Amino acid sequence: MNRKDLVSSIADKAGVSQTDADKVLAAFQDIAFDVVAKGDEKLTLPGFLTFEQGARAARDGRNPATGEALHIPAAKTAKVTAGSKLKAAAAG
């Protein structure tokens, strides 16, 4: 399902126009980006998903082509965790 299909499905289920559904989806996306970018809180939709900022520690690695040792710096990442109801839906 792509964004257009999602917007159409939201509009049908909620009984709103596709324009309004697209605006709501865009607003949700902006809020999720802001929460992950700030990193001081997480966005939780109970039973569905949790969005938060994660951290990856610096480490030493190897170039797989040459075998040369290299340093991989610390990085911030986006972390998305599936909630219990989403996991149950995937399990059938």
C-alpha atoms as a PDB file:
ATOM      1  CA  MET A   1       0.000   0.000   0.000  1.00  0.00           C
ATOM      2  CA  ASN A   2       1.422   3.382  -0.946  1.00  0.00           C
ATOM      3  CA  ARG A   3       0.589   6.815   0.482  1.00  0.00           C
ATOM      4  CA  LYS A   4      -2.200   7.467  -2.024  1.00  0.00           C
ATOM      5  CA  ASP A   5      -3.879   4.161  -1.132  1.00  0.00           C
ATOM      6  CA  LEU A   6      -3.465   4.871   2.587  1.00  0.00           C
ATOM      7  CA  VAL A   7      -5.016   8.343   2.253  1.00  0.00           C
ATOM      8  CA  SER A   8      -7.920   6.861   0.302  1.00  0.00           C
ATOM      9  CA  SER A   9      -8.482   4.155   2.928  1.00  0.00           C
ATOM     10  CA  ILE A  10      -8.343   6.667   5.787  1.00  0.00           C
ATOM     11  CA  ALA A  11     -10.817   8.936   3.988  1.00  0.00           C
ATOM     12  CA  ASP A  12     -13.237   6.041   3.416  1.00  0.00           C
ATOM     13  CA  LYS A  13     -13.026   4.701   6.988  1.00  0.00           C
ATOM     14  CA  ALA A  14     -13.277   8.125   8.638  1.00  0.00           C
ATOM     15  CA  GLY A  15     -15.881   9.514   6.264  1.00  0.00           C
ATOM     16  CA  VAL A  16     -13.794  12.570   5.375  1.00  0.00           C
ATOM     17  CA  SER A  17     -12.406  13.932   2.122  1.00  0.00           C
ATOM     18  CA  GLN A  18      -9.109  12.647   0.775  1.00  0.00           C
ATOM     19  CA  THR A  19      -7.702  16.172   1.110  1.00  0.00           C
ATOM     20  CA  ASP A  20      -8.516  16.242   4.828  1.00  0.00           C
ATOM     21  CA  ALA A  21      -7.145  12.720   5.322  1.00  0.00           C
ATOM     22  CA  ASP A  22      -3.919  13.706   3.548  1.00  0.00           C
ATOM     23  CA  LYS A  23      -3.562  16.798   5.758  1.00  0.00           C
ATOM     24  CA  VAL A  24      -3.993  14.682   8.907  1.00  0.00           C
ATOM     25  CA  LEU A  25      -1.459  12.118   7.677  1.00  0.00           C
ATOM     26  CA  ALA A  26       1.024  14.900   6.832  1.00  0.00           C
ATOM     27  CA  ALA A  27       0.541  16.453  10.283  1.00  0.00           C
ATOM     28  CA  PHE A  28       1.102  13.082  11.976  1.00  0.00           C
ATOM     29  CA  GLN A  29       4.256  12.584   9.918  1.00  0.00           C
ATOM     30  CA  ASP A  30       5.574  16.042  10.908  1.00  0.00           C
ATOM     31  CA  ILE A  31       4.891  15.368  14.590  1.00  0.00           C
ATOM     32  CA  ALA A  32       6.647  11.986  14.440  1.00  0.00           C
ATOM     33  CA  PHE A  33       9.672  13.617  12.751  1.00  0.00           C
ATOM     34  CA  ASP A  34       9.789  16.335  15.436  1.00  0.00           C
ATOM     35  CA  VAL A  35       9.589  13.831  18.307  1.00  0.00           C
ATOM     36  CA  VAL A  36      12.365  11.664  16.857  1.00  0.00           C
ATOM     37  CA  ALA A  37      14.537  14.684  16.026  1.00  0.00           C
ATOM     38  CA  LYS A  38      14.280  16.134  19.558  1.00  0.00           C
ATOM     39  CA  GLY A  39      15.002  12.814  21.213  1.00  0.00           C
ATOM     40  CA  ASP A  40      13.731  13.789  24.669  1.00  0.00           C
ATOM     41  CA  GLU A  41      10.402  11.955  24.421  1.00  0.00           C
ATOM     42  CA  LYS A  42       8.704   9.214  22.464  1.00  0.00           C
ATOM     43  CA  LEU A  43       5.483   9.073  20.490  1.00  0.00           C
ATOM     44  CA  THR A  44       3.392   6.086  21.545  1.00  0.00           C
ATOM     45  CA  LEU A  45       0.206   4.796  19.978  1.00  0.00           C
ATOM     46  CA  PRO A  46      -0.668   2.031  22.485  1.00  0.00           C
ATOM     47  CA  GLY A  47      -0.912  -1.382  20.872  1.00  0.00           C
ATOM     48  CA  PHE A  48       0.268  -0.021  17.515  1.00  0.00           C
ATOM     49  CA  LEU A  49       3.680   1.696  17.299  1.00  0.00           C
ATOM     50  CA  THR A  50       6.221   3.636  19.314  1.00  0.00           C
ATOM     51  CA  PHE A  51       8.546   6.166  17.650  1.00  0.00           C
ATOM     52  CA  GLU A  52      11.673   7.363  19.457  1.00  0.00           C
ATOM     53  CA  GLN A  53      15.258   8.394  18.931  1.00  0.00           C
ATOM     54  CA  GLY A  54      17.812   5.644  19.406  1.00  0.00           C
ATOM     55  CA  ALA A  55      21.564   5.768  19.772  1.00  0.00           C
ATOM     56  CA  ARG A  56      24.268   3.630  18.278  1.00  0.00           C
ATOM     57  CA  ALA A  57      27.621   3.610  20.092  1.00  0.00           C
ATOM     58  CA  ALA A  58      30.915   4.200  18.323  1.00  0.00           C
ATOM     59  CA  ARG A  59      32.671   0.992  17.376  1.00  0.00           C
ATOM     60  CA  ASP A  60      35.491  -0.467  15.371  1.00  0.00           C
ATOM     61  CA  GLY A  61      34.696  -2.380  12.218  1.00  0.00           C
ATOM     62  CA  ARG A  62      36.267  -3.768   9.086  1.00  0.00           C
ATOM     63  CA  ASN A  63      35.863  -2.921   5.433  1.00  0.00           C
ATOM     64  CA  PRO A  64      34.466  -6.194   4.023  1.00  0.00           C
ATOM     65  CA  ALA A  65      36.161  -5.662   0.650  1.00  0.00           C
ATOM     66  CA  THR A  66      39.679  -4.946   1.906  1.00  0.00           C
ATOM     67  CA  GLY A  67      39.663  -6.171   5.493  1.00  0.00           C
ATOM     68  CA  GLU A  68      41.015  -2.774   6.582  1.00  0.00           C
ATOM     69  CA  ALA A  69      40.124  -1.752  10.156  1.00  0.00           C
ATOM     70  CA  LEU A  70      38.072   1.417  10.467  1.00  0.00           C
ATOM     71  CA  HIS A  71      36.331   3.440  13.154  1.00  0.00           C
ATOM     72  CA  ILE A  72      32.555   3.814  12.925  1.00  0.00           C
ATOM     73  CA  PRO A  73      31.425   6.949  14.809  1.00  0.00           C
ATOM     74  CA  ALA A  74      28.450   7.109  17.178  1.00  0.00           C
ATOM     75  CA  ALA A  75      25.147   7.918  15.513  1.00  0.00           C
ATOM     76  CA  LYS A  76      21.560   8.769  16.372  1.00  0.00           C
ATOM     77  CA  THR A  77      18.874   6.631  14.752  1.00  0.00           C
ATOM     78  CA  ALA A  78      15.103   6.458  14.467  1.00  0.00           C
ATOM     79  CA  LYS A  79      13.643   3.572  16.442  1.00  0.00           C
ATOM     80  CA  VAL A  80      10.170   2.218  15.657  1.00  0.00           C
ATOM     81  CA  THR A  81       8.764  -0.561  17.837  1.00  0.00           C
ATOM     82  CA  ALA A  82       5.647  -2.562  17.031  1.00  0.00           C
ATOM     83  CA  GLY A  83       2.965  -2.665  19.728  1.00  0.00           C
ATOM     84  CA  SER A  84       1.244  -5.761  21.044  1.00  0.00           C
ATOM     85  CA  LYS A  85      -1.888  -5.492  18.880  1.00  0.00           C
ATOM     86  CA  LEU A  86       0.191  -5.005  15.719  1.00  0.00           C
ATOM     87  CA  LYS A  87       2.342  -8.008  16.629  1.00  0.00           C
ATOM     88  CA  ALA A  88      -0.807 -10.079  17.241  1.00  0.00           C
ATOM     89  CA  ALA A  89      -2.226  -9.030  13.853  1.00  0.00           C
ATOM     90  CA  ALA A  90       0.993 -10.101  12.128  1.00  0.00           C
ATOM     91  CA  ALA A  91       0.930 -13.452  13.922  1.00  0.00           C
ATOM     92  CA  GLY A  92      -2.566 -14.107  12.618  1.00  0.00           C
END
